[in-house]
């Protein structure tokens, strides 16, 4: 076997490691969203005003940073939810839809901006809120997510406690108002392209 053949084998193994990391990270982000929805006791979905389309109360979005400003974007596919950063973290956004009751409209979407690094059985989660708040969790123990989820709930409570004369335009950092869009959960992530 030549050195080149050895390099090919190592390349295949490297690409498989990246694919596994992407797949495991997306599964972890989805588990965080699912666990958060369960933790706050939100229903799974609500019906759009048309009455035919069901939308999730909590779902994942892509976390983009155009011109240095955090923005949540509806991904075209599941492959677009996570963005890998040079330090090994994945960034993504989690949307929470709030309403007065199940049948009321309009509904308001709030977005949390997060970064996630999965290492073995441990997750390192960073939440954008007046800087970066760091949390470590070891799923599947739901109790490990409590500090993160309580902090997220605190962010929502701070926003809801703001007075009308304080201005809605000045949302706490880490929030973006969004309009609900459909989500396609049928695809799996692909490995990143090899870097030269």
C-alpha atoms as a PDB file:
ATOM      1  CA  UNK A   1       0.000   0.000   0.000  1.00  0.00           C
ATOM      2  CA  UNK A   2       1.359   3.415  -0.973  1.00  0.00           C
ATOM      3  CA  UNK A   3       1.547   6.535   1.188  1.00  0.00           C
ATOM      4  CA  UNK A   4      -1.159   8.024  -1.031  1.00  0.00           C
ATOM      5  CA  UNK A   5      -3.471   5.089  -0.247  1.00  0.00           C
ATOM      6  CA  UNK A   6      -2.841   5.647   3.472  1.00  0.00           C
ATOM      7  CA  UNK A   7      -3.695   9.337   3.036  1.00  0.00           C
ATOM      8  CA  UNK A   8      -6.916   8.414   1.250  1.00  0.00           C
ATOM      9  CA  UNK A   9      -7.932   6.158   4.132  1.00  0.00           C
ATOM     10  CA  UNK A  10      -7.124   8.912   6.631  1.00  0.00           C
ATOM     11  CA  UNK A  11      -9.095  11.408   4.520  1.00  0.00           C
ATOM     12  CA  UNK A  12     -12.163   9.131   4.450  1.00  0.00           C
ATOM     13  CA  UNK A  13     -11.913   8.645   8.223  1.00  0.00           C
ATOM     14  CA  UNK A  14     -11.559  12.402   8.742  1.00  0.00           C
ATOM     15  CA  UNK A  15     -14.603  13.160   6.599  1.00  0.00           C
ATOM     16  CA  UNK A  16     -16.628  10.522   8.447  1.00  0.00           C
ATOM     17  CA  UNK A  17     -15.596  12.090  11.773  1.00  0.00           C
ATOM     18  CA  UNK A  18     -16.814  15.498  10.533  1.00  0.00           C
ATOM     19  CA  UNK A  19     -20.079  13.980   9.284  1.00  0.00           C
ATOM     20  CA  UNK A  20     -20.635  12.259  12.629  1.00  0.00           C
ATOM     21  CA  UNK A  21     -19.874  15.482  14.507  1.00  0.00           C
ATOM     22  CA  UNK A  22     -22.320  17.435  12.319  1.00  0.00           C
ATOM     23  CA  UNK A  23     -25.004  14.764  12.730  1.00  0.00           C
ATOM     24  CA  UNK A  24     -24.492  14.512  16.509  1.00  0.00           C
ATOM     25  CA  UNK A  25     -24.454  18.297  16.884  1.00  0.00           C
ATOM     26  CA  UNK A  26     -27.700  18.722  14.945  1.00  0.00           C
ATOM     27  CA  UNK A  27     -29.293  15.983  17.061  1.00  0.00           C
ATOM     28  CA  UNK A  28     -28.079  17.797  20.208  1.00  0.00           C
ATOM     29  CA  UNK A  29     -29.513  21.137  19.012  1.00  0.00           C
ATOM     30  CA  UNK A  30     -32.829  19.442  18.202  1.00  0.00           C
ATOM     31  CA  UNK A  31     -32.824  17.785  21.630  1.00  0.00           C
ATOM     32  CA  UNK A  32     -32.213  21.172  23.279  1.00  0.00           C
ATOM     33  CA  UNK A  33     -35.202  22.655  21.426  1.00  0.00           C
ATOM     34  CA  UNK A  34     -37.412  19.675  22.288  1.00  0.00           C
ATOM     35  CA  UNK A  35     -36.329  19.696  25.939  1.00  0.00           C
ATOM     36  CA  UNK A  36     -36.862  23.467  26.204  1.00  0.00           C
ATOM     37  CA  UNK A  37     -40.398  23.129  24.823  1.00  0.00           C
ATOM     38  CA  UNK A  38     -41.140  20.371  27.338  1.00  0.00           C
ATOM     39  CA  UNK A  39     -39.499  22.316  30.189  1.00  0.00           C
ATOM     40  CA  UNK A  40     -41.713  25.365  29.671  1.00  0.00           C
ATOM     41  CA  UNK A  41     -44.796  23.227  28.980  1.00  0.00           C
ATOM     42  CA  UNK A  42     -45.492  24.697  25.533  1.00  0.00           C
ATOM     43  CA  UNK A  43     -47.777  22.801  23.153  1.00  0.00           C
ATOM     44  CA  UNK A  44     -45.988  21.163  20.246  1.00  0.00           C
ATOM     45  CA  UNK A  45     -47.684  23.119  17.446  1.00  0.00           C
ATOM     46  CA  UNK A  46     -50.350  25.683  16.644  1.00  0.00           C
ATOM     47  CA  UNK A  47     -52.502  26.183  13.546  1.00  0.00           C
ATOM     48  CA  UNK A  48     -51.834  29.085  11.208  1.00  0.00           C
ATOM     49  CA  UNK A  49     -54.744  31.462  10.552  1.00  0.00           C
ATOM     50  CA  UNK A  50     -55.502  29.429   7.416  1.00  0.00           C
ATOM     51  CA  UNK A  51     -56.249  26.538   9.796  1.00  0.00           C
ATOM     52  CA  UNK A  52     -54.415  23.981   7.673  1.00  0.00           C
ATOM     53  CA  UNK A  53     -50.748  24.566   8.472  1.00  0.00           C
ATOM     54  CA  UNK A  54     -49.313  23.459  11.831  1.00  0.00           C
ATOM     55  CA  UNK A  55     -46.269  25.338  13.086  1.00  0.00           C
ATOM     56  CA  UNK A  56     -44.008  24.480  16.043  1.00  0.00           C
ATOM     57  CA  UNK A  57     -43.922  26.695  19.132  1.00  0.00           C
ATOM     58  CA  UNK A  58     -40.194  25.977  19.491  1.00  0.00           C
ATOM     59  CA  UNK A  59     -37.944  25.283  16.519  1.00  0.00           C
ATOM     60  CA  UNK A  60     -34.437  25.835  15.187  1.00  0.00           C
ATOM     61  CA  UNK A  61     -33.295  28.536  12.794  1.00  0.00           C
ATOM     62  CA  UNK A  62     -29.988  29.391  11.175  1.00  0.00           C
ATOM     63  CA  UNK A  63     -27.865  31.993  13.043  1.00  0.00           C
ATOM     64  CA  UNK A  64     -26.283  34.348  10.507  1.00  0.00           C
ATOM     65  CA  UNK A  65     -24.108  37.397  11.196  1.00  0.00           C
ATOM     66  CA  UNK A  66     -24.440  39.736   8.195  1.00  0.00           C
ATOM     67  CA  UNK A  67     -22.543  42.994   8.781  1.00  0.00           C
ATOM     68  CA  UNK A  68     -21.721  41.852  12.328  1.00  0.00           C
ATOM     69  CA  UNK A  69     -25.359  41.763  13.483  1.00  0.00           C
ATOM     70  CA  UNK A  70     -26.855  38.454  14.740  1.00  0.00           C
ATOM     71  CA  UNK A  71     -29.825  37.486  12.563  1.00  0.00           C
ATOM     72  CA  UNK A  72     -32.054  34.415  12.609  1.00  0.00           C
ATOM     73  CA  UNK A  73     -32.840  33.013   9.171  1.00  0.00           C
ATOM     74  CA  UNK A  74     -35.299  30.300   8.163  1.00  0.00           C
ATOM     75  CA  UNK A  75     -33.058  27.486   6.859  1.00  0.00           C
ATOM     76  CA  UNK A  76     -33.763  26.034   3.431  1.00  0.00           C
ATOM     77  CA  UNK A  77     -32.994  22.575   4.835  1.00  0.00           C
ATOM     78  CA  UNK A  78     -31.766  20.979   8.048  1.00  0.00           C
ATOM     79  CA  UNK A  79     -28.258  21.168   6.609  1.00  0.00           C
ATOM     80  CA  UNK A  80     -28.490  24.958   6.906  1.00  0.00           C
ATOM     81  CA  UNK A  81     -29.467  25.126  10.600  1.00  0.00           C
ATOM     82  CA  UNK A  82     -25.956  24.768  12.018  1.00  0.00           C
ATOM     83  CA  UNK A  83     -22.997  26.897  10.978  1.00  0.00           C
ATOM     84  CA  UNK A  84     -19.603  25.557  12.025  1.00  0.00           C
ATOM     85  CA  UNK A  85     -17.201  28.106  13.429  1.00  0.00           C
ATOM     86  CA  UNK A  86     -13.384  27.893  13.437  1.00  0.00           C
ATOM     87  CA  UNK A  87     -13.267  27.089  17.186  1.00  0.00           C
ATOM     88  CA  UNK A  88     -15.343  23.906  16.703  1.00  0.00           C
ATOM     89  CA  UNK A  89     -18.620  25.379  17.973  1.00  0.00           C
ATOM     90  CA  UNK A  90     -21.795  25.266  15.909  1.00  0.00           C
ATOM     91  CA  UNK A  91     -23.984  28.354  15.955  1.00  0.00           C
ATOM     92  CA  UNK A  92     -27.752  28.240  15.555  1.00  0.00           C
ATOM     93  CA  UNK A  93     -30.860  30.025  16.756  1.00  0.00           C
ATOM     94  CA  UNK A  94     -33.837  28.691  18.702  1.00  0.00           C
ATOM     95  CA  UNK A  95     -37.219  30.300  18.148  1.00  0.00           C
ATOM     96  CA  UNK A  96     -39.976  30.507  20.758  1.00  0.00           C
ATOM     97  CA  UNK A  97     -43.440  31.574  19.599  1.00  0.00           C
ATOM     98  CA  UNK A  98     -45.584  33.340  22.208  1.00  0.00           C
ATOM     99  CA  UNK A  99     -49.303  34.071  22.081  1.00  0.00           C
ATOM    100  CA  UNK A 100     -52.140  35.051  24.407  1.00  0.00           C
ATOM    101  CA  UNK A 101     -53.814  31.680  23.838  1.00  0.00           C
ATOM    102  CA  UNK A 102     -53.812  28.845  21.315  1.00  0.00           C
ATOM    103  CA  UNK A 103     -56.325  30.457  18.956  1.00  0.00           C
ATOM    104  CA  UNK A 104     -55.104  34.079  19.172  1.00  0.00           C
ATOM    105  CA  UNK A 105     -53.217  35.984  16.501  1.00  0.00           C
ATOM    106  CA  UNK A 106     -50.843  37.610  15.944  1.00  0.00           C
ATOM    107  CA  UNK A 107     -48.254  35.413  17.547  1.00  0.00           C
ATOM    108  CA  UNK A 108     -44.802  36.714  18.395  1.00  0.00           C
ATOM    109  CA  UNK A 109     -41.599  34.853  17.726  1.00  0.00           C
ATOM    110  CA  UNK A 110     -38.564  35.439  19.959  1.00  0.00           C
ATOM    111  CA  UNK A 111     -35.172  34.067  19.014  1.00  0.00           C
ATOM    112  CA  UNK A 112     -32.298  32.909  21.216  1.00  0.00           C
ATOM    113  CA  UNK A 113     -28.818  32.877  19.665  1.00  0.00           C
ATOM    114  CA  UNK A 114     -26.728  29.873  20.740  1.00  0.00           C
ATOM    115  CA  UNK A 115     -23.423  28.121  20.135  1.00  0.00           C
ATOM    116  CA  UNK A 116     -22.906  24.423  20.832  1.00  0.00           C
ATOM    117  CA  UNK A 117     -19.928  22.108  21.104  1.00  0.00           C
ATOM    118  CA  UNK A 118     -20.550  18.384  21.595  1.00  0.00           C
ATOM    119  CA  UNK A 119     -17.709  16.400  23.180  1.00  0.00           C
ATOM    120  CA  UNK A 120     -18.499  12.818  23.999  1.00  0.00           C
ATOM    121  CA  UNK A 121     -21.374  12.855  26.470  1.00  0.00           C
ATOM    122  CA  UNK A 122     -20.989  16.543  27.360  1.00  0.00           C
ATOM    123  CA  UNK A 123     -22.420  19.599  25.655  1.00  0.00           C
ATOM    124  CA  UNK A 124     -20.962  23.063  25.998  1.00  0.00           C
ATOM    125  CA  UNK A 125     -23.672  25.640  25.244  1.00  0.00           C
ATOM    126  CA  UNK A 126     -23.112  29.371  24.885  1.00  0.00           C
ATOM    127  CA  UNK A 127     -26.105  31.729  24.962  1.00  0.00           C
ATOM    128  CA  UNK A 128     -25.862  35.284  23.653  1.00  0.00           C
ATOM    129  CA  UNK A 129     -27.221  37.568  26.395  1.00  0.00           C
ATOM    130  CA  UNK A 130     -25.311  40.726  27.342  1.00  0.00           C
ATOM    131  CA  UNK A 131     -22.192  38.929  26.238  1.00  0.00           C
ATOM    132  CA  UNK A 132     -21.897  35.162  26.216  1.00  0.00           C
ATOM    133  CA  UNK A 133     -23.359  33.039  29.009  1.00  0.00           C
ATOM    134  CA  UNK A 134     -21.800  29.585  29.196  1.00  0.00           C
ATOM    135  CA  UNK A 135     -23.504  26.358  30.296  1.00  0.00           C
ATOM    136  CA  UNK A 136     -22.343  22.744  30.454  1.00  0.00           C
ATOM    137  CA  UNK A 137     -24.811  19.922  30.223  1.00  0.00           C
ATOM    138  CA  UNK A 138     -24.598  16.137  30.070  1.00  0.00           C
ATOM    139  CA  UNK A 139     -27.743  14.806  28.376  1.00  0.00           C
ATOM    140  CA  UNK A 140     -29.925  12.857  28.673  1.00  0.00           C
ATOM    141  CA  UNK A 141     -30.200  14.202  32.248  1.00  0.00           C
ATOM    142  CA  UNK A 142     -32.816  16.914  31.768  1.00  0.00           C
ATOM    143  CA  UNK A 143     -31.869  18.493  35.105  1.00  0.00           C
ATOM    144  CA  UNK A 144     -28.528  19.526  33.557  1.00  0.00           C
ATOM    145  CA  UNK A 145     -30.396  21.861  31.191  1.00  0.00           C
ATOM    146  CA  UNK A 146     -32.214  23.671  34.018  1.00  0.00           C
ATOM    147  CA  UNK A 147     -29.675  26.535  34.439  1.00  0.00           C
ATOM    148  CA  UNK A 148     -29.664  27.179  30.674  1.00  0.00           C
ATOM    149  CA  UNK A 149     -33.443  27.013  30.350  1.00  0.00           C
ATOM    150  CA  UNK A 150     -33.984  29.166  33.444  1.00  0.00           C
ATOM    151  CA  UNK A 151     -31.650  31.785  31.982  1.00  0.00           C
ATOM    152  CA  UNK A 152     -33.569  31.724  28.682  1.00  0.00           C
ATOM    153  CA  UNK A 153     -36.859  32.125  30.563  1.00  0.00           C
ATOM    154  CA  UNK A 154     -35.320  35.031  32.482  1.00  0.00           C
ATOM    155  CA  UNK A 155     -34.460  36.708  29.167  1.00  0.00           C
ATOM    156  CA  UNK A 156     -38.083  36.385  28.038  1.00  0.00           C
ATOM    157  CA  UNK A 157     -39.374  37.712  31.364  1.00  0.00           C
ATOM    158  CA  UNK A 158     -37.039  40.746  31.108  1.00  0.00           C
ATOM    159  CA  UNK A 159     -38.369  41.462  27.638  1.00  0.00           C
ATOM    160  CA  UNK A 160     -41.999  41.068  28.700  1.00  0.00           C
ATOM    161  CA  UNK A 161     -41.424  43.358  31.700  1.00  0.00           C
ATOM    162  CA  UNK A 162     -40.143  46.204  29.496  1.00  0.00           C
ATOM    163  CA  UNK A 163     -42.401  49.253  29.386  1.00  0.00           C
ATOM    164  CA  UNK A 164     -43.929  50.576  26.137  1.00  0.00           C
ATOM    165  CA  UNK A 165     -42.135  53.904  26.527  1.00  0.00           C
ATOM    166  CA  UNK A 166     -38.792  52.078  26.677  1.00  0.00           C
ATOM    167  CA  UNK A 167     -39.192  51.090  23.011  1.00  0.00           C
ATOM    168  CA  UNK A 168     -39.547  47.660  21.443  1.00  0.00           C
ATOM    169  CA  UNK A 169     -36.709  48.470  19.042  1.00  0.00           C
ATOM    170  CA  UNK A 170     -34.213  48.112  21.900  1.00  0.00           C
ATOM    171  CA  UNK A 171     -34.680  44.417  22.621  1.00  0.00           C
ATOM    172  CA  UNK A 172     -32.234  42.745  25.012  1.00  0.00           C
ATOM    173  CA  UNK A 173     -29.229  41.393  23.128  1.00  0.00           C
ATOM    174  CA  UNK A 174     -29.858  37.809  22.099  1.00  0.00           C
ATOM    175  CA  UNK A 175     -33.393  38.458  20.899  1.00  0.00           C
ATOM    176  CA  UNK A 176     -34.794  39.066  17.462  1.00  0.00           C
ATOM    177  CA  UNK A 177     -38.455  39.358  16.567  1.00  0.00           C
ATOM    178  CA  UNK A 178     -39.383  36.933  13.787  1.00  0.00           C
ATOM    179  CA  UNK A 179     -42.470  35.869  11.892  1.00  0.00           C
ATOM    180  CA  UNK A 180     -43.145  32.103  11.947  1.00  0.00           C
ATOM    181  CA  UNK A 181     -42.195  30.091   8.860  1.00  0.00           C
ATOM    182  CA  UNK A 182     -42.566  26.388   8.077  1.00  0.00           C
ATOM    183  CA  UNK A 183     -39.740  24.031   9.010  1.00  0.00           C
ATOM    184  CA  UNK A 184     -38.638  20.926   7.097  1.00  0.00           C
ATOM    185  CA  UNK A 185     -37.180  18.320   9.468  1.00  0.00           C
ATOM    186  CA  UNK A 186     -36.754  15.573   6.846  1.00  0.00           C
ATOM    187  CA  UNK A 187     -33.094  16.037   5.910  1.00  0.00           C
ATOM    188  CA  UNK A 188     -29.818  15.092   7.590  1.00  0.00           C
ATOM    189  CA  UNK A 189     -26.670  17.241   7.733  1.00  0.00           C
ATOM    190  CA  UNK A 190     -23.800  16.738   5.330  1.00  0.00           C
ATOM    191  CA  UNK A 191     -20.093  16.829   6.119  1.00  0.00           C
ATOM    192  CA  UNK A 192     -18.319  20.137   5.567  1.00  0.00           C
ATOM    193  CA  UNK A 193     -16.081  20.381   2.531  1.00  0.00           C
ATOM    194  CA  UNK A 194     -12.448  19.683   3.216  1.00  0.00           C
ATOM    195  CA  UNK A 195     -10.398  22.825   3.821  1.00  0.00           C
ATOM    196  CA  UNK A 196      -7.205  23.186   1.761  1.00  0.00           C
END
